[in-house]
N, C-alpha and C. Protein backbone atom coordinates (compact mmCIF):
# COMPACT_ATOMS: atom_id res chain seq x y z
N MET A 1 -19.30 32.65 106.54
CA MET A 1 -19.88 31.35 106.29
C MET A 1 -20.56 31.34 104.92
N ILE A 2 -21.30 32.38 104.61
CA ILE A 2 -22.00 32.44 103.33
C ILE A 2 -20.98 32.51 102.19
N LEU A 3 -19.97 33.35 102.36
CA LEU A 3 -18.95 33.46 101.31
C LEU A 3 -18.15 32.17 101.17
N PHE A 4 -17.94 31.45 102.27
CA PHE A 4 -17.27 30.16 102.21
C PHE A 4 -18.10 29.18 101.38
N LEU A 5 -19.42 29.16 101.59
CA LEU A 5 -20.28 28.25 100.84
C LEU A 5 -20.30 28.58 99.34
N VAL A 6 -20.08 29.84 99.01
CA VAL A 6 -19.98 30.21 97.58
C VAL A 6 -18.76 29.53 96.98
N SER A 7 -17.67 29.54 97.71
CA SER A 7 -16.42 29.00 97.16
C SER A 7 -16.42 27.48 97.04
N VAL A 8 -17.14 26.79 97.91
CA VAL A 8 -17.11 25.32 97.88
C VAL A 8 -18.41 24.69 97.37
N GLU A 9 -19.46 25.47 97.23
CA GLU A 9 -20.79 25.06 96.79
C GLU A 9 -21.55 24.20 97.79
N GLU A 10 -20.88 23.27 98.45
CA GLU A 10 -21.53 22.41 99.45
C GLU A 10 -20.49 22.03 100.49
N ALA A 11 -20.91 22.05 101.76
CA ALA A 11 -19.97 21.72 102.83
C ALA A 11 -20.67 21.00 103.96
N ARG A 12 -19.93 20.12 104.62
CA ARG A 12 -20.45 19.44 105.81
C ARG A 12 -20.24 20.35 107.01
N TYR A 13 -20.94 20.04 108.08
CA TYR A 13 -20.86 20.84 109.31
C TYR A 13 -19.41 20.99 109.77
N SER A 14 -18.67 19.91 109.76
CA SER A 14 -17.28 19.95 110.24
C SER A 14 -16.42 20.88 109.39
N GLU A 15 -16.69 20.94 108.10
CA GLU A 15 -15.92 21.84 107.23
C GLU A 15 -16.25 23.30 107.53
N ILE A 16 -17.52 23.56 107.78
CA ILE A 16 -17.92 24.93 108.15
C ILE A 16 -17.31 25.29 109.49
N LYS A 17 -17.33 24.36 110.42
CA LYS A 17 -16.77 24.59 111.75
C LYS A 17 -15.30 24.97 111.67
N LYS A 18 -14.55 24.34 110.79
CA LYS A 18 -13.13 24.67 110.63
C LYS A 18 -12.94 26.11 110.14
N GLN A 19 -13.85 26.58 109.31
CA GLN A 19 -13.76 27.94 108.79
C GLN A 19 -14.18 28.97 109.83
N GLU A 20 -15.13 28.62 110.66
CA GLU A 20 -15.67 29.51 111.67
C GLU A 20 -15.07 29.16 113.02
N TYR A 21 -13.75 29.18 113.12
CA TYR A 21 -13.05 28.70 114.31
C TYR A 21 -13.32 29.51 115.57
N VAL A 22 -13.86 30.71 115.45
CA VAL A 22 -14.08 31.55 116.61
C VAL A 22 -15.40 31.22 117.30
N ILE A 23 -16.29 30.58 116.61
CA ILE A 23 -17.66 30.38 117.09
C ILE A 23 -17.82 29.00 117.71
N GLY A 24 -18.63 28.90 118.74
CA GLY A 24 -18.88 27.63 119.40
C GLY A 24 -19.89 26.78 118.65
N ASP A 25 -19.95 25.50 119.00
CA ASP A 25 -20.86 24.56 118.33
C ASP A 25 -22.32 24.99 118.43
N ARG A 26 -22.74 25.37 119.63
CA ARG A 26 -24.14 25.76 119.81
C ARG A 26 -24.50 26.98 118.99
N SER A 27 -23.60 27.95 118.97
CA SER A 27 -23.84 29.17 118.19
C SER A 27 -23.88 28.86 116.70
N LEU A 28 -22.95 28.05 116.24
CA LEU A 28 -22.91 27.69 114.82
C LEU A 28 -24.19 26.95 114.43
N SER A 29 -24.62 26.01 115.24
CA SER A 29 -25.86 25.27 114.96
C SER A 29 -27.06 26.22 114.89
N ARG A 30 -27.11 27.16 115.82
CA ARG A 30 -28.21 28.12 115.84
C ARG A 30 -28.21 29.00 114.59
N ILE A 31 -27.02 29.46 114.20
CA ILE A 31 -26.91 30.31 113.01
C ILE A 31 -27.30 29.54 111.75
N LEU A 32 -26.82 28.30 111.63
CA LEU A 32 -27.19 27.48 110.47
C LEU A 32 -28.69 27.26 110.41
N LYS A 33 -29.31 26.99 111.54
CA LYS A 33 -30.76 26.78 111.59
C LYS A 33 -31.50 28.05 111.17
N GLU A 34 -31.04 29.19 111.66
CA GLU A 34 -31.70 30.46 111.31
C GLU A 34 -31.55 30.77 109.82
N LEU A 35 -30.36 30.53 109.27
CA LEU A 35 -30.15 30.76 107.84
C LEU A 35 -31.02 29.82 107.01
N GLN A 36 -31.22 28.61 107.49
CA GLN A 36 -32.08 27.66 106.80
C GLN A 36 -33.53 28.14 106.85
N GLU A 37 -33.98 28.59 108.02
CA GLU A 37 -35.35 29.08 108.16
C GLU A 37 -35.61 30.30 107.29
N ARG A 38 -34.59 31.11 107.08
CA ARG A 38 -34.74 32.31 106.25
C ARG A 38 -34.58 32.02 104.76
N GLY A 39 -34.31 30.77 104.42
CA GLY A 39 -34.20 30.39 103.02
C GLY A 39 -32.89 30.75 102.37
N ILE A 40 -31.85 30.96 103.17
CA ILE A 40 -30.55 31.34 102.63
C ILE A 40 -29.67 30.12 102.37
N ILE A 41 -29.77 29.12 103.22
CA ILE A 41 -29.02 27.88 102.99
C ILE A 41 -29.98 26.69 102.95
N LEU A 42 -29.52 25.64 102.32
CA LEU A 42 -30.27 24.40 102.22
C LEU A 42 -29.51 23.34 103.01
N ARG A 43 -30.22 22.66 103.87
CA ARG A 43 -29.63 21.58 104.68
C ARG A 43 -30.11 20.26 104.11
N GLU A 44 -29.17 19.38 103.79
CA GLU A 44 -29.52 18.06 103.26
C GLU A 44 -28.90 16.98 104.12
N ALA A 45 -29.74 16.06 104.57
CA ALA A 45 -29.27 14.90 105.32
C ALA A 45 -29.12 13.74 104.34
N HIS A 46 -27.95 13.11 104.35
CA HIS A 46 -27.67 12.00 103.43
C HIS A 46 -27.83 10.68 104.17
N PRO A 47 -28.43 9.70 103.52
CA PRO A 47 -28.72 8.41 104.17
C PRO A 47 -27.48 7.53 104.33
N THR A 48 -26.59 7.96 105.18
CA THR A 48 -25.39 7.18 105.49
C THR A 48 -25.43 6.84 106.96
N TYR A 49 -24.52 6.02 107.38
CA TYR A 49 -24.42 5.71 108.81
C TYR A 49 -23.04 6.08 109.30
N PRO A 50 -22.91 7.00 110.20
CA PRO A 50 -23.99 7.86 110.72
C PRO A 50 -24.44 8.85 109.65
N VAL A 51 -25.59 9.42 109.86
CA VAL A 51 -26.17 10.36 108.90
C VAL A 51 -25.21 11.54 108.73
N SER A 52 -24.94 11.89 107.49
CA SER A 52 -24.11 13.07 107.23
C SER A 52 -25.01 14.18 106.70
N THR A 53 -24.67 15.39 107.06
CA THR A 53 -25.47 16.54 106.68
C THR A 53 -24.58 17.52 105.92
N SER A 54 -25.12 18.06 104.84
CA SER A 54 -24.37 19.05 104.08
C SER A 54 -25.22 20.30 103.91
N TYR A 55 -24.54 21.41 103.71
CA TYR A 55 -25.18 22.71 103.56
C TYR A 55 -24.74 23.34 102.25
N SER A 56 -25.66 24.01 101.60
CA SER A 56 -25.35 24.73 100.38
C SER A 56 -26.24 25.98 100.33
N LEU A 57 -25.90 26.89 99.43
CA LEU A 57 -26.67 28.12 99.30
C LEU A 57 -27.87 27.91 98.39
N THR A 58 -28.97 28.52 98.73
CA THR A 58 -30.14 28.56 97.86
C THR A 58 -29.92 29.73 96.88
N GLU A 59 -30.84 29.93 95.96
CA GLU A 59 -30.74 31.08 95.05
C GLU A 59 -30.75 32.38 95.84
N LYS A 60 -31.60 32.44 96.86
CA LYS A 60 -31.64 33.62 97.72
C LYS A 60 -30.28 33.80 98.42
N GLY A 61 -29.69 32.73 98.87
CA GLY A 61 -28.38 32.78 99.51
C GLY A 61 -27.30 33.27 98.56
N LYS A 62 -27.38 32.88 97.29
CA LYS A 62 -26.41 33.33 96.30
C LYS A 62 -26.54 34.83 96.06
N GLN A 63 -27.77 35.33 96.10
CA GLN A 63 -27.98 36.78 95.97
C GLN A 63 -27.37 37.51 97.17
N VAL A 64 -27.60 36.98 98.35
CA VAL A 64 -27.02 37.57 99.57
C VAL A 64 -25.50 37.56 99.46
N ALA A 65 -24.94 36.47 98.99
CA ALA A 65 -23.48 36.34 98.86
C ALA A 65 -22.92 37.38 97.91
N ARG A 66 -23.63 37.64 96.81
CA ARG A 66 -23.16 38.66 95.87
C ARG A 66 -23.08 40.02 96.55
N HIS A 67 -24.12 40.35 97.33
CA HIS A 67 -24.12 41.63 98.04
C HIS A 67 -23.02 41.69 99.10
N LEU A 68 -22.81 40.59 99.81
CA LEU A 68 -21.73 40.55 100.81
C LEU A 68 -20.38 40.70 100.14
N GLY A 69 -20.20 40.09 98.99
CA GLY A 69 -18.95 40.22 98.24
C GLY A 69 -18.69 41.65 97.83
N GLU A 70 -19.76 42.35 97.39
CA GLU A 70 -19.62 43.75 97.02
C GLU A 70 -19.24 44.60 98.22
N LEU A 71 -19.87 44.32 99.37
CA LEU A 71 -19.52 45.06 100.59
C LEU A 71 -18.08 44.79 101.01
N LYS A 72 -17.68 43.52 100.89
CA LYS A 72 -16.30 43.15 101.26
C LYS A 72 -15.30 43.90 100.40
N ASP A 73 -15.61 44.07 99.11
CA ASP A 73 -14.72 44.76 98.20
C ASP A 73 -14.56 46.24 98.53
N LEU A 74 -15.54 46.80 99.22
CA LEU A 74 -15.46 48.21 99.60
C LEU A 74 -14.44 48.45 100.70
N PHE A 75 -14.14 47.43 101.48
CA PHE A 75 -13.24 47.59 102.62
C PHE A 75 -11.97 46.95 102.36
């Protein structure tokens, strides 16, 4: 999910859900909330009807993504 956000910079919940096809809605919501609380992702609600929400990486999240990318390259 973090590496996906690096590639697209910003994504809506449905776009993330398509990438994380193995995970259920409740689990994905919980993970997104936890990443937000830890300062890794930023959640933005847009004033549309219905309200749309997008997620992007914070600077801390970009640092985490760099480390994950390095680990991925090792395997």
